[in-house]
């Protein structure tokens, strides 16, 4: 990809070369910038490729339906590690925090 491109260009190339379903059919794709198996930031589609350094990795995933339907949600970025957070491994991920009222829970004792 030319450095003058943007994240939308990467998504389009990924769909074409990976023979993936398009975003209209299978849902939008989001792209994360990661380093040392930790998410640094989520990239917008307009973000220029010239702002991405050579020392990071890009991860892409389909946006889950639940994330698209929530208007204002709290998200947590998580990563895997062994005994010490500096020993990270695996693929980092993002999940949505769901607020649950204690009054809405039903217990059968």
N, C-alpha and C. Protein backbone atom coordinates (compact mmCIF):
# COMPACT_ATOMS: atom_id res chain seq x y z
N UNK A 1 0.84 -1.18 0.00
CA UNK A 1 0.00 0.00 0.00
C UNK A 1 0.89 1.25 0.00
N UNK A 2 0.52 2.23 -0.77
CA UNK A 2 1.30 3.48 -0.77
C UNK A 2 1.08 4.24 0.55
N UNK A 3 2.11 4.92 1.02
CA UNK A 3 2.02 5.68 2.27
C UNK A 3 1.00 6.80 2.19
N UNK A 4 0.58 7.18 0.99
CA UNK A 4 -0.41 8.24 0.84
C UNK A 4 -1.84 7.72 1.03
N UNK A 5 -2.00 6.40 1.19
CA UNK A 5 -3.31 5.81 1.37
C UNK A 5 -3.82 5.97 2.79
N UNK A 6 -4.97 5.33 3.07
CA UNK A 6 -5.53 5.37 4.41
C UNK A 6 -6.05 3.98 4.79
N UNK A 7 -6.63 3.87 5.98
CA UNK A 7 -7.09 2.59 6.50
C UNK A 7 -8.19 2.00 5.61
N UNK A 8 -9.02 2.83 5.02
CA UNK A 8 -10.06 2.32 4.09
C UNK A 8 -9.44 1.55 2.94
N UNK A 9 -8.29 2.00 2.46
CA UNK A 9 -7.59 1.29 1.39
C UNK A 9 -7.14 -0.10 1.84
N UNK A 10 -6.67 -0.20 3.08
CA UNK A 10 -6.23 -1.49 3.61
C UNK A 10 -7.43 -2.43 3.73
N UNK A 11 -8.54 -1.92 4.23
CA UNK A 11 -9.74 -2.76 4.37
C UNK A 11 -10.22 -3.25 3.01
N UNK A 12 -10.23 -2.38 2.01
CA UNK A 12 -10.65 -2.77 0.67
C UNK A 12 -9.72 -3.84 0.09
N UNK A 13 -8.42 -3.68 0.27
CA UNK A 13 -7.46 -4.66 -0.23
C UNK A 13 -7.60 -5.99 0.50
N UNK A 14 -7.85 -5.93 1.80
CA UNK A 14 -8.04 -7.15 2.58
C UNK A 14 -9.25 -7.94 2.08
N UNK A 15 -10.34 -7.25 1.84
CA UNK A 15 -11.56 -7.89 1.35
C UNK A 15 -11.32 -8.53 -0.01
N UNK A 16 -10.63 -7.80 -0.89
CA UNK A 16 -10.38 -8.31 -2.23
C UNK A 16 -9.39 -9.48 -2.23
N UNK A 17 -8.23 -9.31 -1.59
CA UNK A 17 -7.21 -10.36 -1.64
C UNK A 17 -7.55 -11.56 -0.77
N UNK A 18 -8.27 -11.32 0.32
CA UNK A 18 -8.66 -12.43 1.19
C UNK A 18 -9.95 -13.09 0.78
N UNK A 19 -10.57 -12.57 -0.29
CA UNK A 19 -11.85 -13.07 -0.80
C UNK A 19 -12.88 -13.14 0.33
N UNK A 20 -12.96 -12.05 1.10
CA UNK A 20 -13.91 -11.94 2.20
C UNK A 20 -15.21 -11.35 1.70
N UNK A 21 -16.28 -11.57 2.46
CA UNK A 21 -17.54 -10.92 2.14
C UNK A 21 -17.39 -9.42 2.35
N UNK A 22 -18.07 -8.64 1.53
CA UNK A 22 -17.95 -7.20 1.66
C UNK A 22 -18.63 -6.73 2.95
N UNK A 23 -18.36 -5.48 3.32
CA UNK A 23 -18.86 -4.94 4.58
C UNK A 23 -20.37 -4.76 4.58
N UNK A 24 -20.97 -4.53 3.43
CA UNK A 24 -22.42 -4.37 3.36
C UNK A 24 -23.12 -5.69 3.71
N UNK A 25 -22.51 -6.81 3.37
CA UNK A 25 -23.09 -8.12 3.63
C UNK A 25 -22.74 -8.66 5.01
N UNK A 26 -21.46 -8.64 5.36
CA UNK A 26 -20.99 -9.30 6.58
C UNK A 26 -20.74 -8.36 7.75
N UNK A 27 -20.83 -7.07 7.54
CA UNK A 27 -20.61 -6.11 8.62
C UNK A 27 -19.29 -5.37 8.47
N UNK A 28 -19.20 -4.21 9.12
CA UNK A 28 -18.00 -3.39 9.00
C UNK A 28 -16.78 -4.03 9.68
N UNK A 29 -15.62 -3.57 9.25
CA UNK A 29 -14.35 -4.05 9.78
C UNK A 29 -13.68 -2.90 10.51
N UNK A 30 -13.13 -3.20 11.69
CA UNK A 30 -12.34 -2.19 12.41
C UNK A 30 -10.90 -2.65 12.48
N UNK A 31 -9.99 -1.68 12.57
CA UNK A 31 -8.56 -1.96 12.55
C UNK A 31 -7.92 -1.39 13.80
N UNK A 32 -7.08 -2.19 14.45
CA UNK A 32 -6.35 -1.79 15.64
C UNK A 32 -4.86 -1.73 15.35
N UNK A 33 -4.20 -0.82 16.01
CA UNK A 33 -2.75 -0.75 15.99
C UNK A 33 -2.27 -1.44 17.27
N UNK A 34 -1.40 -2.45 17.15
CA UNK A 34 -0.92 -3.19 18.32
C UNK A 34 0.60 -3.20 18.36
N UNK A 35 1.11 -3.31 19.58
CA UNK A 35 2.55 -3.43 19.79
C UNK A 35 2.76 -4.25 21.06
N UNK A 36 3.66 -5.20 21.02
CA UNK A 36 3.93 -6.09 22.15
C UNK A 36 2.65 -6.76 22.64
N UNK A 37 1.82 -7.17 21.71
CA UNK A 37 0.57 -7.89 21.98
C UNK A 37 -0.42 -7.08 22.81
N UNK A 38 -0.37 -5.76 22.71
CA UNK A 38 -1.29 -4.87 23.41
C UNK A 38 -1.86 -3.87 22.40
N UNK A 39 -3.13 -3.53 22.55
CA UNK A 39 -3.76 -2.56 21.66
C UNK A 39 -3.26 -1.17 22.01
N UNK A 40 -2.76 -0.45 21.01
CA UNK A 40 -2.36 0.93 21.22
C UNK A 40 -3.52 1.87 20.95
N UNK A 41 -4.21 1.65 19.82
CA UNK A 41 -5.35 2.50 19.48
C UNK A 41 -6.15 1.86 18.36
N UNK A 42 -7.41 2.27 18.27
CA UNK A 42 -8.26 1.85 17.16
C UNK A 42 -8.13 2.93 16.10
N UNK A 43 -7.90 2.52 14.87
CA UNK A 43 -7.66 3.48 13.78
C UNK A 43 -8.96 3.81 13.05
N UNK A 44 -9.14 5.08 12.77
CA UNK A 44 -10.31 5.48 11.97
C UNK A 44 -10.02 5.20 10.50
N UNK A 45 -11.05 5.12 9.70
CA UNK A 45 -10.90 4.83 8.28
C UNK A 45 -10.14 5.92 7.54
N UNK A 46 -10.20 7.13 8.05
CA UNK A 46 -9.51 8.25 7.40
C UNK A 46 -8.06 8.38 7.84
N UNK A 47 -7.65 7.59 8.81
CA UNK A 47 -6.29 7.67 9.32
C UNK A 47 -5.30 7.33 8.20
N UNK A 48 -4.33 8.20 7.99
CA UNK A 48 -3.34 8.01 6.93
C UNK A 48 -2.32 6.93 7.27
N UNK A 49 -1.89 6.20 6.27
CA UNK A 49 -0.90 5.15 6.47
C UNK A 49 0.47 5.72 6.83
N UNK A 50 0.71 6.99 6.51
CA UNK A 50 1.99 7.60 6.84
C UNK A 50 2.15 7.82 8.34
N UNK A 51 1.07 7.68 9.13
CA UNK A 51 1.16 7.83 10.58
C UNK A 51 1.47 6.51 11.28
N UNK A 52 1.52 5.42 10.54
CA UNK A 52 1.77 4.10 11.12
C UNK A 52 3.26 3.79 11.01
N UNK A 53 3.87 3.45 12.14
CA UNK A 53 5.31 3.16 12.14
C UNK A 53 5.57 1.72 11.73
N UNK A 54 6.83 1.41 11.49
CA UNK A 54 7.22 0.06 11.07
C UNK A 54 7.24 -0.92 12.24
N UNK A 55 7.13 -0.44 13.47
CA UNK A 55 7.30 -1.28 14.64
C UNK A 55 5.99 -1.78 15.24
N UNK A 56 4.89 -1.56 14.58
CA UNK A 56 3.60 -2.00 15.09
C UNK A 56 2.99 -3.03 14.15
N UNK A 57 1.96 -3.69 14.64
CA UNK A 57 1.19 -4.63 13.82
C UNK A 57 -0.22 -4.07 13.70
N UNK A 58 -0.88 -4.40 12.62
CA UNK A 58 -2.28 -4.04 12.45
C UNK A 58 -3.12 -5.30 12.60
N UNK A 59 -4.19 -5.19 13.36
CA UNK A 59 -5.14 -6.28 13.53
C UNK A 59 -6.49 -5.78 13.03
N UNK A 60 -7.23 -6.64 12.38
CA UNK A 60 -8.54 -6.26 11.87
C UNK A 60 -9.56 -7.30 12.30
N UNK A 61 -10.79 -6.84 12.54
CA UNK A 61 -11.86 -7.75 12.91
C UNK A 61 -13.20 -7.17 12.47
N UNK A 62 -14.17 -8.03 12.30
CA UNK A 62 -15.53 -7.57 12.03
C UNK A 62 -16.09 -6.99 13.33
N UNK A 63 -16.84 -5.91 13.20
CA UNK A 63 -17.48 -5.31 14.36
C UNK A 63 -18.70 -6.15 14.72
N UNK A 64 -18.78 -6.65 15.96
CA UNK A 64 -19.96 -7.45 16.35
C UNK A 64 -21.24 -6.61 16.29
N UNK A 65 -22.36 -7.27 16.03
CA UNK A 65 -23.65 -6.58 15.94
C UNK A 65 -23.96 -5.81 17.22
N UNK A 66 -23.64 -6.40 18.36
CA UNK A 66 -23.91 -5.75 19.65
C UNK A 66 -23.18 -4.41 19.77
N UNK A 67 -21.97 -4.34 19.25
CA UNK A 67 -21.20 -3.10 19.30
C UNK A 67 -21.80 -2.04 18.39
N UNK A 68 -22.36 -2.45 17.27
CA UNK A 68 -22.95 -1.49 16.34
C UNK A 68 -24.26 -0.94 16.89
N UNK A 69 -24.98 -1.77 17.66
CA UNK A 69 -26.28 -1.36 18.17
C UNK A 69 -26.20 -0.48 19.40
N UNK A 70 -25.07 -0.49 20.10
CA UNK A 70 -24.95 0.32 21.32
C UNK A 70 -24.55 1.75 20.94
N UNK A 71 -25.28 2.71 21.49
CA UNK A 71 -25.00 4.10 21.15
C UNK A 71 -23.87 4.67 22.00
N UNK A 72 -23.87 4.42 23.28
CA UNK A 72 -22.77 4.87 24.12
C UNK A 72 -22.40 3.72 25.05
N UNK A 73 -21.26 3.16 24.83
CA UNK A 73 -20.84 2.00 25.61
C UNK A 73 -19.41 2.19 26.10
N UNK A 74 -19.10 1.49 27.16
CA UNK A 74 -17.76 1.50 27.71
C UNK A 74 -17.03 0.25 27.23
N UNK A 75 -15.85 0.43 26.68
CA UNK A 75 -15.06 -0.68 26.18
C UNK A 75 -13.77 -0.81 26.97
N UNK A 76 -13.31 -2.04 27.09
CA UNK A 76 -12.04 -2.32 27.76
C UNK A 76 -11.16 -3.07 26.79
N UNK A 77 -9.91 -2.62 26.66
CA UNK A 77 -8.92 -3.34 25.87
C UNK A 77 -8.21 -4.32 26.80
N UNK A 78 -8.06 -5.55 26.36
CA UNK A 78 -7.46 -6.59 27.20
C UNK A 78 -6.36 -7.31 26.42
N UNK A 79 -5.45 -7.93 27.18
CA UNK A 79 -4.37 -8.71 26.57
C UNK A 79 -4.02 -9.87 27.49
N UNK A 80 -3.35 -10.85 26.94
CA UNK A 80 -2.94 -12.04 27.68
C UNK A 80 -1.51 -11.86 28.17
N UNK A 81 -1.24 -12.36 29.39
CA UNK A 81 0.14 -12.36 29.88
C UNK A 81 0.37 -13.55 30.80
N UNK A 82 1.63 -13.84 31.06
CA UNK A 82 2.00 -14.96 31.91
C UNK A 82 2.78 -14.45 33.11
N UNK A 83 2.20 -14.53 34.30
CA UNK A 83 2.80 -14.14 35.58
C UNK A 83 3.13 -12.66 35.73
N UNK A 84 3.46 -11.99 34.66
CA UNK A 84 3.87 -10.59 34.74
C UNK A 84 3.33 -9.87 33.50
N UNK A 85 2.68 -8.71 33.67
CA UNK A 85 2.12 -8.01 32.50
C UNK A 85 3.14 -7.67 31.41
N UNK A 86 4.41 -7.64 31.75
CA UNK A 86 5.42 -7.37 30.71
C UNK A 86 5.67 -8.59 29.84
N UNK A 87 5.14 -9.75 30.22
CA UNK A 87 5.30 -10.98 29.44
C UNK A 87 4.00 -11.27 28.68
N UNK A 88 3.62 -10.33 27.84
CA UNK A 88 2.37 -10.47 27.10
C UNK A 88 2.54 -11.42 25.91
N UNK A 89 1.42 -12.01 25.50
CA UNK A 89 1.42 -12.94 24.36
C UNK A 89 0.01 -12.97 23.78
N UNK A 90 -0.14 -13.60 22.65
CA UNK A 90 -1.46 -13.79 22.05
C UNK A 90 -1.97 -12.55 21.32
N UNK A 91 -3.25 -12.57 21.04
CA UNK A 91 -3.90 -11.50 20.29
C UNK A 91 -4.72 -10.65 21.26
N UNK A 92 -4.43 -9.36 21.35
CA UNK A 92 -5.23 -8.51 22.24
C UNK A 92 -6.65 -8.36 21.69
N UNK A 93 -7.58 -7.96 22.56
CA UNK A 93 -8.96 -7.85 22.14
C UNK A 93 -9.66 -6.72 22.88
N UNK A 94 -10.85 -6.41 22.42
CA UNK A 94 -11.66 -5.34 22.97
C UNK A 94 -13.02 -5.93 23.31
N UNK A 95 -13.57 -5.58 24.47
CA UNK A 95 -14.92 -6.03 24.77
C UNK A 95 -15.72 -4.92 25.42
N UNK A 96 -17.03 -5.06 25.31
CA UNK A 96 -17.95 -4.04 25.80
C UNK A 96 -18.39 -4.40 27.21
N UNK A 97 -18.41 -3.41 28.10
CA UNK A 97 -18.89 -3.60 29.46
C UNK A 97 -20.40 -3.40 29.45
N UNK A 98 -21.11 -4.35 30.03
CA UNK A 98 -22.57 -4.28 30.09
C UNK A 98 -22.97 -4.03 31.53
N UNK A 99 -23.76 -3.00 31.74
CA UNK A 99 -24.23 -2.68 33.07
C UNK A 99 -25.45 -3.54 33.40
N UNK A 100 -25.40 -4.18 34.56
CA UNK A 100 -26.49 -5.04 34.99
C UNK A 100 -26.95 -4.57 36.36
N UNK A 101 -28.23 -4.37 36.51
CA UNK A 101 -28.79 -3.97 37.79
C UNK A 101 -28.95 -5.19 38.67
N UNK A 102 -28.59 -5.07 39.92
CA UNK A 102 -28.73 -6.19 40.86
C UNK A 102 -30.20 -6.53 41.03
N UNK A 103 -31.08 -5.57 40.84
CA UNK A 103 -32.52 -5.79 40.98
C UNK A 103 -33.07 -6.65 39.84
N UNK A 104 -32.39 -6.67 38.71
CA UNK A 104 -32.88 -7.44 37.57
C UNK A 104 -32.46 -8.90 37.62
N UNK A 105 -31.57 -9.24 38.55
CA UNK A 105 -31.13 -10.62 38.68
C UNK A 105 -32.15 -11.42 39.48
N UNK A 106 -32.37 -12.65 39.09
CA UNK A 106 -33.33 -13.51 39.77
C UNK A 106 -32.60 -14.75 40.28
N UNK A 107 -32.70 -14.97 41.56
CA UNK A 107 -32.04 -16.12 42.17
C UNK A 107 -33.07 -17.13 42.64
N UNK A 108 -32.83 -18.39 42.38
CA UNK A 108 -33.69 -19.47 42.87
C UNK A 108 -32.92 -20.23 43.94
N UNK A 109 -33.32 -20.02 45.18
CA UNK A 109 -32.65 -20.73 46.28
C UNK A 109 -33.57 -21.77 46.85
